[in-house]
PDB file of N, CA and C in Angstrom:
ATOM      1  N   UNK A   1      40.585-178.886  12.055  1.00  0.00           N
ATOM      2  CA  UNK A   1      42.092-178.995  12.026  1.00  0.00           C
ATOM      3  C   UNK A   1      42.490-179.523  13.214  1.00  0.00           C
ATOM      4  N   UNK A   2      43.462-180.373  13.113  1.00  0.00           N
ATOM      5  CA  UNK A   2      44.022-181.348  14.126  1.00  0.00           C
ATOM      6  C   UNK A   2      45.083-180.553  14.805  1.00  0.00           C
ATOM      7  N   UNK A   3      45.364-180.427  15.985  1.00  0.00           N
ATOM      8  CA  UNK A   3      46.579-179.833  16.585  1.00  0.00           C
ATOM      9  C   UNK A   3      47.342-180.870  17.138  1.00  0.00           C
ATOM     10  N   UNK A   4      48.681-180.645  17.036  1.00  0.00           N
ATOM     11  CA  UNK A   4      49.643-181.645  17.614  1.00  0.00           C
ATOM     12  C   UNK A   4      49.721-181.297  19.288  1.00  0.00           C
ATOM     13  N   UNK A   5      49.761-182.443  19.867  1.00  0.00           N
ATOM     14  CA  UNK A   5      49.839-182.418  21.440  1.00  0.00           C
ATOM     15  C   UNK A   5      50.849-183.422  21.859  1.00  0.00           C
ATOM     16  N   UNK A   6      51.245-183.332  23.128  1.00  0.00           N
ATOM     17  CA  UNK A   6      52.237-184.154  23.667  1.00  0.00           C
ATOM     18  C   UNK A   6      51.749-184.401  25.164  1.00  0.00           C
ATOM     19  N   UNK A   7      51.815-185.657  25.571  1.00  0.00           N
ATOM     20  CA  UNK A   7      51.453-185.940  27.146  1.00  0.00           C
ATOM     21  C   UNK A   7      52.634-186.672  27.696  1.00  0.00           C
ATOM     22  N   UNK A   8      52.951-186.217  28.906  1.00  0.00           N
ATOM     23  CA  UNK A   8      53.885-187.093  29.548  1.00  0.00           C
ATOM     24  C   UNK A   8      53.107-187.600  30.743  1.00  0.00           C
ATOM     25  N   UNK A   9      53.480-189.022  31.020  1.00  0.00           N
ATOM     26  CA  UNK A   9      52.738-189.719  32.103  1.00  0.00           C
ATOM     27  C   UNK A   9      53.761-190.339  32.800  1.00  0.00           C
ATOM     28  N   UNK A  10      53.790-190.094  34.272  1.00  0.00           N
ATOM     29  CA  UNK A  10      54.575-190.735  35.047  1.00  0.00           C
ATOM     30  C   UNK A  10      53.910-191.771  35.859  1.00  0.00           C
ATOM     31  N   UNK A  11      54.145-193.202  35.495  1.00  0.00           N
ATOM     32  CA  UNK A  11      53.483-194.197  36.163  1.00  0.00           C
ATOM     33  C   UNK A  11      54.268-194.710  37.501  1.00  0.00           C
ATOM     34  N   UNK A  12      53.549-195.188  38.481  1.00  0.00           N
ATOM     35  CA  UNK A  12      54.104-195.636  39.563  1.00  0.00           C
ATOM     36  C   UNK A  12      55.098-196.702  39.488  1.00  0.00           C
ATOM     37  N   UNK A  13      56.412-196.512  39.775  1.00  0.00           N
ATOM     38  CA  UNK A  13      57.373-197.614  39.635  1.00  0.00           C
ATOM     39  C   UNK A  13      57.362-198.667  40.639  1.00  0.00           C
ATOM     40  N   UNK A  14      56.593-198.682  41.502  1.00  0.00           N
ATOM     41  CA  UNK A  14      56.349-199.666  42.539  1.00  0.00           C
ATOM     42  C   UNK A  14      55.419-200.843  41.921  1.00  0.00           C
ATOM     43  N   UNK A  15      54.651-200.404  40.882  1.00  0.00           N
ATOM     44  CA  UNK A  15      53.841-201.266  40.216  1.00  0.00           C
ATOM     45  C   UNK A  15      54.477-202.532  39.328  1.00  0.00           C
ATOM     46  N   UNK A  16      54.085-203.695  39.220  1.00  0.00           N
ATOM     47  CA  UNK A  16      54.683-204.643  38.523  1.00  0.00           C
ATOM     48  C   UNK A  16      54.742-204.125  36.990  1.00  0.00           C
ATOM     49  N   UNK A  17      55.648-204.772  36.302  1.00  0.00           N
ATOM     50  CA  UNK A  17      55.961-204.279  34.799  1.00  0.00           C
ATOM     51  C   UNK A  17      54.615-204.519  34.045  1.00  0.00           C
ATOM     52  N   UNK A  18      53.982-205.624  34.424  1.00  0.00           N
ATOM     53  CA  UNK A  18      52.725-206.071  33.684  1.00  0.00           C
ATOM     54  C   UNK A  18      51.510-205.126  33.972  1.00  0.00           C
ATOM     55  N   UNK A  19      51.558-204.548  35.083  1.00  0.00           N
ATOM     56  CA  UNK A  19      50.558-203.467  35.282  1.00  0.00           C
ATOM     57  C   UNK A  19      50.776-202.269  34.654  1.00  0.00           C
ATOM     58  N   UNK A  20      52.051-201.796  34.637  1.00  0.00           N
ATOM     59  CA  UNK A  20      52.307-200.631  33.975  1.00  0.00           C
ATOM     60  C   UNK A  20      52.220-200.792  32.505  1.00  0.00           C
ATOM     61  N   UNK A  21      52.462-201.842  31.813  1.00  0.00           N
ATOM     62  CA  UNK A  21      52.394-202.094  30.403  1.00  0.00           C
ATOM     63  C   UNK A  21      50.745-202.316  30.192  1.00  0.00           C
ATOM     64  N   UNK A  22      50.020-202.699  30.931  1.00  0.00           N
ATOM     65  CA  UNK A  22      48.561-202.668  30.714  1.00  0.00           C
ATOM     66  C   UNK A  22      47.944-201.298  30.720  1.00  0.00           C
ATOM     67  N   UNK A  23      48.325-200.539  31.700  1.00  0.00           N
ATOM     68  CA  UNK A  23      47.930-199.050  31.723  1.00  0.00           C
ATOM     69  C   UNK A  23      48.533-198.300  30.552  1.00  0.00           C
ATOM     70  N   UNK A  24      49.670-198.687  30.025  1.00  0.00           N
ATOM     71  CA  UNK A  24      50.240-197.896  28.885  1.00  0.00           C
ATOM     72  C   UNK A  24      49.414-198.365  27.669  1.00  0.00           C
ATOM     73  N   UNK A  25      49.168-199.656  27.651  1.00  0.00           N
ATOM     74  CA  UNK A  25      48.318-200.163  26.413  1.00  0.00           C
ATOM     75  C   UNK A  25      47.000-199.517  26.279  1.00  0.00           C
ATOM     76  N   UNK A  26      46.284-199.341  27.530  1.00  0.00           N
ATOM     77  CA  UNK A  26      44.897-198.705  27.586  1.00  0.00           C
ATOM     78  C   UNK A  26      44.844-197.373  27.090  1.00  0.00           C
ATOM     79  N   UNK A  27      46.142-196.597  27.584  1.00  0.00           N
ATOM     80  CA  UNK A  27      46.143-195.178  27.197  1.00  0.00           C
ATOM     81  C   UNK A  27      46.604-195.066  25.585  1.00  0.00           C
ATOM     82  N   UNK A  28      47.476-195.976  25.017  1.00  0.00           N
ATOM     83  CA  UNK A  28      47.696-195.965  23.692  1.00  0.00           C
ATOM     84  C   UNK A  28      46.429-196.311  22.788  1.00  0.00           C
ATOM     85  N   UNK A  29      45.632-197.151  23.167  1.00  0.00           N
ATOM     86  CA  UNK A  29      44.467-197.656  22.588  1.00  0.00           C
ATOM     87  C   UNK A  29      43.515-196.274  22.421  1.00  0.00           C
ATOM     88  N   UNK A  30      43.356-195.614  23.604  1.00  0.00           N
ATOM     89  CA  UNK A  30      42.418-194.488  23.625  1.00  0.00           C
ATOM     90  C   UNK A  30      43.108-193.493  22.515  1.00  0.00           C
ATOM     91  N   UNK A  31      44.122-193.315  22.330  1.00  0.00           N
ATOM     92  CA  UNK A  31      44.788-192.393  21.438  1.00  0.00           C
ATOM     93  C   UNK A  31      44.599-192.824  19.997  1.00  0.00           C
ATOM     94  N   UNK A  32      44.810-194.165  19.843  1.00  0.00           N
ATOM     95  CA  UNK A  32      44.562-194.691  18.453  1.00  0.00           C
ATOM     96  C   UNK A  32      42.976-194.483  18.100  1.00  0.00           C
ATOM     97  N   UNK A  33      42.013-194.670  18.928  1.00  0.00           N
ATOM     98  CA  UNK A  33      40.654-194.490  18.715  1.00  0.00           C
ATOM     99  C   UNK A  33      40.317-193.049  18.428  1.00  0.00           C
ATOM    100  N   UNK A  34      40.791-192.007  19.303  1.00  0.00           N
ATOM    101  CA  UNK A  34      40.344-190.765  19.373  1.00  0.00           C
ATOM    102  C   UNK A  34      41.237-189.532  18.692  1.00  0.00           C
ATOM    103  N   UNK A  35      42.497-190.126  18.022  1.00  0.00           N
ATOM    104  CA  UNK A  35      43.390-189.192  17.536  1.00  0.00           C
ATOM    105  C   UNK A  35      44.223-189.812  16.448  1.00  0.00           C
ATOM    106  N   UNK A  36      44.977-188.819  15.896  1.00  0.00           N
ATOM    107  CA  UNK A  36      46.253-189.540  14.955  1.00  0.00           C
ATOM    108  C   UNK A  36      47.193-189.732  15.796  1.00  0.00           C
ATOM    109  N   UNK A  37      47.395-190.875  16.121  1.00  0.00           N
ATOM    110  CA  UNK A  37      48.562-191.340  17.196  1.00  0.00           C
ATOM    111  C   UNK A  37      49.807-191.387  16.283  1.00  0.00           C
ATOM    112  N   UNK A  38      50.897-190.780  16.923  1.00  0.00           N
ATOM    113  CA  UNK A  38      52.147-190.557  16.212  1.00  0.00           C
ATOM    114  C   UNK A  38      53.078-191.541  16.760  1.00  0.00           C
ATOM    115  N   UNK A  39      53.365-191.626  18.056  1.00  0.00           N
ATOM    116  CA  UNK A  39      54.416-192.382  18.609  1.00  0.00           C
ATOM    117  C   UNK A  39      54.424-192.367  20.113  1.00  0.00           C
ATOM    118  N   UNK A  40      55.032-193.233  20.816  1.00  0.00           N
ATOM    119  CA  UNK A  40      55.188-193.350  22.336  1.00  0.00           C
ATOM    120  C   UNK A  40      56.614-193.472  22.402  1.00  0.00           C
ATOM    121  N   UNK A  41      56.997-192.605  23.339  1.00  0.00           N
ATOM    122  CA  UNK A  41      58.645-192.590  23.589  1.00  0.00           C
ATOM    123  C   UNK A  41      58.694-193.171  25.048  1.00  0.00           C
ATOM    124  N   UNK A  42      59.481-194.205  25.333  1.00  0.00           N
ATOM    125  CA  UNK A  42      59.501-194.707  26.641  1.00  0.00           C
ATOM    126  C   UNK A  42      60.793-194.107  27.212  1.00  0.00           C
ATOM    127  N   UNK A  43      60.571-193.349  28.331  1.00  0.00           N
ATOM    128  CA  UNK A  43      61.986-192.628  28.844  1.00  0.00           C
ATOM    129  C   UNK A  43      62.440-193.561  29.979  1.00  0.00           C
ATOM    130  N   UNK A  44      61.622-194.503  30.473  1.00  0.00           N
ATOM    131  CA  UNK A  44      62.233-195.513  31.462  1.00  0.00           C
ATOM    132  C   UNK A  44      61.899-194.980  32.849  1.00  0.00           C
ATOM    133  N   UNK A  45      62.535-195.598  33.766  1.00  0.00           N
ATOM    134  CA  UNK A  45      62.486-195.448  35.136  1.00  0.00           C
ATOM    135  C   UNK A  45      63.521-194.383  35.470  1.00  0.00           C
ATOM    136  N   UNK A  46      63.077-193.222  36.300  1.00  0.00           N
ATOM    137  CA  UNK A  46      63.990-192.179  36.669  1.00  0.00           C
ATOM    138  C   UNK A  46      63.595-191.768  38.263  1.00  0.00           C
ATOM    139  N   UNK A  47      64.711-191.424  38.891  1.00  0.00           N
ATOM    140  CA  UNK A  47      64.442-190.842  40.286  1.00  0.00           C
ATOM    141  C   UNK A  47      63.820-189.499  40.293  1.00  0.00           C
ATOM    142  N   UNK A  48      63.003-189.157  41.147  1.00  0.00           N
ATOM    143  CA  UNK A  48      62.385-187.707  41.215  1.00  0.00           C
ATOM    144  C   UNK A  48      63.378-187.002  42.113  1.00  0.00           C
ATOM    145  N   UNK A  49      63.351-185.617  41.906  1.00  0.00           N
ATOM    146  CA  UNK A  49      64.146-184.721  42.454  1.00  0.00           C
ATOM    147  C   UNK A  49      63.659-184.666  43.917  1.00  0.00           C
ATOM    148  N   UNK A  50      62.519-184.829  44.206  1.00  0.00           N
ATOM    149  CA  UNK A  50      61.906-184.861  45.573  1.00  0.00           C
ATOM    150  C   UNK A  50      60.827-185.964  45.636  1.00  0.00           C
ATOM    151  N   UNK A  51      60.460-186.451  46.851  1.00  0.00           N
ATOM    152  CA  UNK A  51      59.593-187.527  46.797  1.00  0.00           C
ATOM    153  C   UNK A  51      58.060-187.099  46.520  1.00  0.00           C
ATOM    154  N   UNK A  52      57.444-187.869  45.861  1.00  0.00           N
ATOM    155  CA  UNK A  52      55.943-187.507  45.442  1.00  0.00           C
ATOM    156  C   UNK A  52      55.099-188.604  46.103  1.00  0.00           C
ATOM    157  N   UNK A  53      54.433-188.141  47.110  1.00  0.00           N
ATOM    158  CA  UNK A  53      53.578-189.109  47.766  1.00  0.00           C
ATOM    159  C   UNK A  53      54.451-190.437  48.369  1.00  0.00           C
ATOM    160  N   UNK A  54      55.369-190.172  48.815  1.00  0.00           N
ATOM    161  CA  UNK A  54      56.323-191.065  49.466  1.00  0.00           C
ATOM    162  C   UNK A  54      56.951-192.107  48.357  1.00  0.00           C
ATOM    163  N   UNK A  55      56.886-191.818  47.160  1.00  0.00           N
ATOM    164  CA  UNK A  55      57.481-192.360  46.048  1.00  0.00           C
ATOM    165  C   UNK A  55      58.676-191.720  45.470  1.00  0.00           C
ATOM    166  N   UNK A  56      59.671-192.332  45.282  1.00  0.00           N
ATOM    167  CA  UNK A  56      60.959-191.776  44.832  1.00  0.00           C
ATOM    168  C   UNK A  56      61.396-191.951  43.454  1.00  0.00           C
ATOM    169  N   UNK A  57      60.641-192.991  42.807  1.00  0.00           N
ATOM    170  CA  UNK A  57      60.898-193.286  41.377  1.00  0.00           C
ATOM    171  C   UNK A  57      59.546-193.151  40.671  1.00  0.00           C
ATOM    172  N   UNK A  58      59.679-193.147  39.349  1.00  0.00           N
ATOM    173  CA  UNK A  58      58.465-193.157  38.488  1.00  0.00           C
ATOM    174  C   UNK A  58      59.002-193.662  36.999  1.00  0.00           C
ATOM    175  N   UNK A  59      58.159-194.258  36.246  1.00  0.00           N
ATOM    176  CA  UNK A  59      58.280-194.780  34.977  1.00  0.00           C
ATOM    177  C   UNK A  59      57.754-193.688  33.919  1.00  0.00           C
ATOM    178  N   UNK A  60      58.383-193.198  33.139  1.00  0.00           N
ATOM    179  CA  UNK A  60      58.127-192.117  32.274  1.00  0.00           C
ATOM    180  C   UNK A  60      57.836-192.451  30.857  1.00  0.00           C
ATOM    181  N   UNK A  61      56.624-191.831  30.297  1.00  0.00           N
ATOM    182  CA  UNK A  61      56.174-192.222  29.062  1.00  0.00           C
ATOM    183  C   UNK A  61      55.722-190.997  28.307  1.00  0.00           C
ATOM    184  N   UNK A  62      56.243-190.649  27.129  1.00  0.00           N
ATOM    185  CA  UNK A  62      55.938-189.517  26.248  1.00  0.00           C
ATOM    186  C   UNK A  62      54.984-189.987  25.116  1.00  0.00           C
ATOM    187  N   UNK A  63      53.719-189.439  25.051  1.00  0.00           N
ATOM    188  CA  UNK A  63      52.891-189.666  23.905  1.00  0.00           C
ATOM    189  C   UNK A  63      52.761-188.525  22.990  1.00  0.00           C
ATOM    190  N   UNK A  64      52.977-188.851  21.525  1.00  0.00           N
ATOM    191  CA  UNK A  64      52.833-187.711  20.690  1.00  0.00           C
ATOM    192  C   UNK A  64      51.666-187.988  19.789  1.00  0.00           C
ATOM    193  N   UNK A  65      50.546-187.031  19.595  1.00  0.00           N
ATOM    194  CA  UNK A  65      49.471-187.334  18.886  1.00  0.00           C
ATOM    195  C   UNK A  65      48.891-186.121  18.419  1.00  0.00           C
ATOM    196  N   UNK A  66      47.772-186.006  17.451  1.00  0.00           N
ATOM    197  CA  UNK A  66      47.270-184.978  16.909  1.00  0.00           C
ATOM    198  C   UNK A  66      45.666-185.245  17.049  1.00  0.00           C
ATOM    199  N   UNK A  67      45.051-184.246  17.659  1.00  0.00           N
ATOM    200  CA  UNK A  67      43.757-184.252  17.909  1.00  0.00           C
ATOM    201  C   UNK A  67      42.813-183.038  17.745  1.00  0.00           C
ATOM    202  N   UNK A  68      41.441-183.257  17.663  1.00  0.00           N
ATOM    203  CA  UNK A  68      40.484-182.092  17.367  1.00  0.00           C
ATOM    204  C   UNK A  68      39.922-181.732  18.848  1.00  0.00           C
ATOM    205  N   UNK A  69      39.429-180.569  18.956  1.00  0.00           N
ATOM    206  CA  UNK A  69      38.689-180.065  19.923  1.00  0.00           C
ATOM    207  C   UNK A  69      39.537-180.205  21.336  1.00  0.00           C
ATOM    208  N   UNK A  70      38.911-180.714  22.329  1.00  0.00           N
ATOM    209  CA  UNK A  70      39.430-180.713  23.724  1.00  0.00           C
ATOM    210  C   UNK A  70      39.939-182.169  24.110  1.00  0.00           C
ATOM    211  N   UNK A  71      40.773-182.613  23.156  1.00  0.00           N
ATOM    212  CA  UNK A  71      41.184-184.152  23.271  1.00  0.00           C
ATOM    213  C   UNK A  71      42.178-184.229  24.748  1.00  0.00           C
ATOM    214  N   UNK A  72      42.992-183.052  24.527  1.00  0.00           N
ATOM    215  CA  UNK A  72      43.890-183.021  25.755  1.00  0.00           C
ATOM    216  C   UNK A  72      43.239-183.002  27.044  1.00  0.00           C
ATOM    217  N   UNK A  73      42.128-182.267  27.081  1.00  0.00           N
ATOM    218  CA  UNK A  73      41.202-182.201  28.280  1.00  0.00           C
ATOM    219  C   UNK A  73      40.658-183.565  28.683  1.00  0.00           C
ATOM    220  N   UNK A  74      40.239-184.342  27.658  1.00  0.00           N
ATOM    221  CA  UNK A  74      39.588-185.595  27.991  1.00  0.00           C
ATOM    222  C   UNK A  74      40.754-186.681  28.358  1.00  0.00           C
ATOM    223  N   UNK A  75      42.141-186.535  27.817  1.00  0.00           N
ATOM    224  CA  UNK A  75      42.995-187.299  28.326  1.00  0.00           C
ATOM    225  C   UNK A  75      43.367-186.829  29.780  1.00  0.00           C
ATOM    226  N   UNK A  76      43.446-185.683  30.035  1.00  0.00           N
ATOM    227  CA  UNK A  76      43.835-185.136  31.375  1.00  0.00           C
ATOM    228  C   UNK A  76      42.811-185.811  32.396  1.00  0.00           C
ATOM    229  N   UNK A  77      41.505-185.713  32.041  1.00  0.00           N
ATOM    230  CA  UNK A  77      40.383-186.206  32.856  1.00  0.00           C
ATOM    231  C   UNK A  77      40.458-187.812  33.159  1.00  0.00           C
ATOM    232  N   UNK A  78      41.041-188.493  32.048  1.00  0.00           N
ATOM    233  CA  UNK A  78      41.150-189.907  32.373  1.00  0.00           C
ATOM    234  C   UNK A  78      42.412-190.177  33.137  1.00  0.00           C
ATOM    235  N   UNK A  79      43.445-189.423  32.892  1.00  0.00           N
ATOM    236  CA  UNK A  79      44.446-189.667  33.837  1.00  0.00           C
ATOM    237  C   UNK A  79      44.487-189.269  35.312  1.00  0.00           C
ATOM    238  N   UNK A  80      43.579-188.316  35.541  1.00  0.00           N
ATOM    239  CA  UNK A  80      43.375-187.816  36.797  1.00  0.00           C
ATOM    240  C   UNK A  80      42.651-188.978  37.725  1.00  0.00           C
ATOM    241  N   UNK A  81      41.958-189.614  37.115  1.00  0.00           N
ATOM    242  CA  UNK A  81      41.129-190.696  37.722  1.00  0.00           C
ATOM    243  C   UNK A  81      41.892-192.022  37.855  1.00  0.00           C
ATOM    244  N   UNK A  82      43.136-192.192  37.243  1.00  0.00           N
ATOM    245  CA  UNK A  82      43.878-193.411  37.268  1.00  0.00           C
ATOM    246  C   UNK A  82      44.894-193.331  38.311  1.00  0.00           C
ATOM    247  N   UNK A  83      44.666-194.284  39.274  1.00  0.00           N
ATOM    248  CA  UNK A  83      45.581-194.432  40.514  1.00  0.00           C
ATOM    249  C   UNK A  83      46.992-194.987  40.186  1.00  0.00           C
ATOM    250  N   UNK A  84      47.275-195.628  39.074  1.00  0.00           N
ATOM    251  CA  UNK A  84      48.724-195.900  38.697  1.00  0.00           C
ATOM    252  C   UNK A  84      49.556-194.732  38.185  1.00  0.00           C
ATOM    253  N   UNK A  85      48.720-193.673  37.937  1.00  0.00           N
ATOM    254  CA  UNK A  85      49.613-192.473  37.414  1.00  0.00           C
ATOM    255  C   UNK A  85      49.779-191.514  38.659  1.00  0.00           C
ATOM    256  N   UNK A  86      51.193-191.194  38.718  1.00  0.00           N
ATOM    257  CA  UNK A  86      51.670-190.121  39.798  1.00  0.00           C
ATOM    258  C   UNK A  86      51.426-188.737  39.231  1.00  0.00           C
ATOM    259  N   UNK A  87      51.962-188.543  38.003  1.00  0.00           N
ATOM    260  CA  UNK A  87      51.825-187.031  37.451  1.00  0.00           C
ATOM    261  C   UNK A  87      51.607-187.143  35.973  1.00  0.00           C
ATOM    262  N   UNK A  88      50.929-186.169  35.533  1.00  0.00           N
ATOM    263  CA  UNK A  88      50.715-186.271  34.032  1.00  0.00           C
ATOM    264  C   UNK A  88      50.906-184.695  33.541  1.00  0.00           C
ATOM    265  N   UNK A  89      51.128-184.586  32.364  1.00  0.00           N
ATOM    266  CA  UNK A  89      51.162-183.165  31.803  1.00  0.00           C
ATOM    267  C   UNK A  89      50.647-183.231  30.279  1.00  0.00           C
ATOM    268  N   UNK A  90      49.839-182.590  29.911  1.00  0.00           N
ATOM    269  CA  UNK A  90      49.571-182.550  28.343  1.00  0.00           C
ATOM    270  C   UNK A  90      49.672-181.049  27.762  1.00  0.00           C
ATOM    271  N   UNK A  91      50.401-180.869  26.811  1.00  0.00           N
ATOM    272  CA  UNK A  91      50.508-179.534  26.159  1.00  0.00           C
ATOM    273  C   UNK A  91      50.543-179.577  24.679  1.00  0.00           C
ATOM    274  N   UNK A  92      50.076-178.585  24.129  1.00  0.00           N
ATOM    275  CA  UNK A  92      50.050-178.417  22.617  1.00  0.00           C
ATOM    276  C   UNK A  92      51.552-178.167  22.212  1.00  0.00           C
ATOM    277  N   UNK A  93      51.926-178.783  21.025  1.00  0.00           N
ATOM    278  CA  UNK A  93      53.231-178.677  20.506  1.00  0.00           C
ATOM    279  C   UNK A  93      53.343-177.727  19.423  1.00  0.00           C
ATOM    280  N   UNK A  94      54.466-177.133  19.103  1.00  0.00           N
ATOM    281  CA  UNK A  94      54.564-176.168  18.063  1.00  0.00           C
ATOM    282  C   UNK A  94      55.486-177.029  17.067  1.00  0.00           C
ATOM    283  N   UNK A  95      54.925-177.132  15.945  1.00  0.00           N
ATOM    284  CA  UNK A  95      55.768-177.960  14.945  1.00  0.00           C
ATOM    285  C   UNK A  95      56.337-177.019  14.014  1.00  0.00           C
ATOM    286  N   UNK A  96      57.941-176.889  14.132  1.00  0.00           N
ATOM    287  CA  UNK A  96      58.624-176.053  13.475  1.00  0.00           C
ATOM    288  C   UNK A  96      58.526-176.321  12.042  1.00  0.00           C
ATOM    289  N   UNK A  97      58.677-175.447  11.020  1.00  0.00           N
ATOM    290  CA  UNK A  97      58.661-175.363   9.614  1.00  0.00           C
ATOM    291  C   UNK A  97      60.198-175.963   9.179  1.00  0.00           C
ATOM    292  N   UNK A  98      61.074-175.367   9.937  1.00  0.00           N
ATOM    293  CA  UNK A  98      62.362-175.408   9.683  1.00  0.00           C
ATOM    294  C   UNK A  98      63.398-175.994  10.829  1.00  0.00           C
ATOM    295  N   UNK A  99      63.311-177.139  11.240  1.00  0.00           N
ATOM    296  CA  UNK A  99      64.035-177.892  12.381  1.00  0.00           C
ATOM    297  C   UNK A  99      65.618-177.798  12.065  1.00  0.00           C
ATOM    298  N   UNK A 100      66.121-177.619  10.885  1.00  0.00           N
ATOM    299  CA  UNK A 100      67.411-177.629  10.658  1.00  0.00           C
ATOM    300  C   UNK A 100      67.905-176.292  10.883  1.00  0.00           C
ATOM    301  N   UNK A 101      67.185-175.393  10.938  1.00  0.00           N
ATOM    302  CA  UNK A 101      67.724-173.937  11.232  1.00  0.00           C
ATOM    303  C   UNK A 101      68.152-173.828  12.591  1.00  0.00           C
ATOM    304  N   UNK A 102      67.752-174.509  13.477  1.00  0.00           N
ATOM    305  CA  UNK A 102      67.863-174.533  14.785  1.00  0.00           C
ATOM    306  C   UNK A 102      69.301-175.026  15.430  1.00  0.00           C
ATOM    307  N   UNK A 103      69.606-176.079  14.496  1.00  0.00           N
ATOM    308  CA  UNK A 103      70.952-176.654  14.807  1.00  0.00           C
ATOM    309  C   UNK A 103      72.213-175.821  14.756  1.00  0.00           C
ATOM    310  N   UNK A 104      72.438-174.889  13.768  1.00  0.00           N
ATOM    311  CA  UNK A 104      73.710-174.241  13.650  1.00  0.00           C
ATOM    312  C   UNK A 104      73.639-173.260  14.841  1.00  0.00           C
ATOM    313  N   UNK A 105      72.516-172.637  15.328  1.00  0.00           N
ATOM    314  CA  UNK A 105      72.491-171.782  16.553  1.00  0.00           C
ATOM    315  C   UNK A 105      72.814-172.312  17.643  1.00  0.00           C
ATOM    316  N   UNK A 106      72.521-173.683  17.888  1.00  0.00           N
ATOM    317  CA  UNK A 106      72.917-174.433  19.091  1.00  0.00           C
ATOM    318  C   UNK A 106      74.254-174.773  18.997  1.00  0.00           C
ATOM    319  N   UNK A 107      75.038-175.082  17.893  1.00  0.00           N
ATOM    320  CA  UNK A 107      76.322-175.434  17.922  1.00  0.00           C
ATOM    321  C   UNK A 107      77.128-174.052  18.289  1.00  0.00           C
ATOM    322  N   UNK A 108      76.694-172.876  17.713  1.00  0.00           N
ATOM    323  CA  UNK A 108      77.370-171.739  18.142  1.00  0.00           C
ATOM    324  C   UNK A 108      77.430-171.373  19.489  1.00  0.00           C
ATOM    325  N   UNK A 109      76.286-171.535  20.185  1.00  0.00           N
ATOM    326  CA  UNK A 109      76.436-171.620  21.636  1.00  0.00           C
ATOM    327  C   UNK A 109      77.139-172.468  22.257  1.00  0.00           C
ATOM    328  N   UNK A 110      77.235-173.778  21.820  1.00  0.00           N
ATOM    329  CA  UNK A 110      78.023-174.592  22.448  1.00  0.00           C
ATOM    330  C   UNK A 110      79.645-174.170  22.211  1.00  0.00           C
ATOM    331  N   UNK A 111      79.844-173.677  21.008  1.00  0.00           N
ATOM    332  CA  UNK A 111      81.148-173.211  20.719  1.00  0.00           C
ATOM    333  C   UNK A 111      81.768-172.127  21.633  1.00  0.00           C
ATOM    334  N   UNK A 112      80.809-171.265  21.867  1.00  0.00           N
ATOM    335  CA  UNK A 112      81.315-170.120  22.608  1.00  0.00           C
ATOM    336  C   UNK A 112      81.661-170.553  24.137  1.00  0.00           C
ATOM    337  N   UNK A 113      81.119-171.690  24.623  1.00  0.00           N
ATOM    338  CA  UNK A 113      81.274-171.956  26.034  1.00  0.00           C
ATOM    339  C   UNK A 113      82.684-172.826  26.042  1.00  0.00           C
ATOM    340  N   UNK A 114      83.107-173.344  25.004  1.00  0.00           N
ATOM    341  CA  UNK A 114      84.525-174.111  24.952  1.00  0.00           C
ATOM    342  C   UNK A 114      85.587-173.257  25.098  1.00  0.00           C
TER     343      UNK A 114
END
């Protein structure tokens, strides 16, 4: 049974756009070969709350995929060795059966604040 995962990767923003695109392409190709790749969400360049290794900005990517076994561990190992990656995090997603049920509860909370 394949479990849903998501991985957030922060690439070094001081790299040229071509280098970041190449690293993104390699990781996406890895997901296409080893998992059921769903999508990539490019969150763009963002400032950090605090400097990380003298870097103040990073380029954020979110990868959504499904895989068997220790696929997230394989991804973590690959990203740990990549010098273009500042930070990364892989977690198992919970896929809700009724996503529409959460929307009215959220609206009620926002209504109470007003």
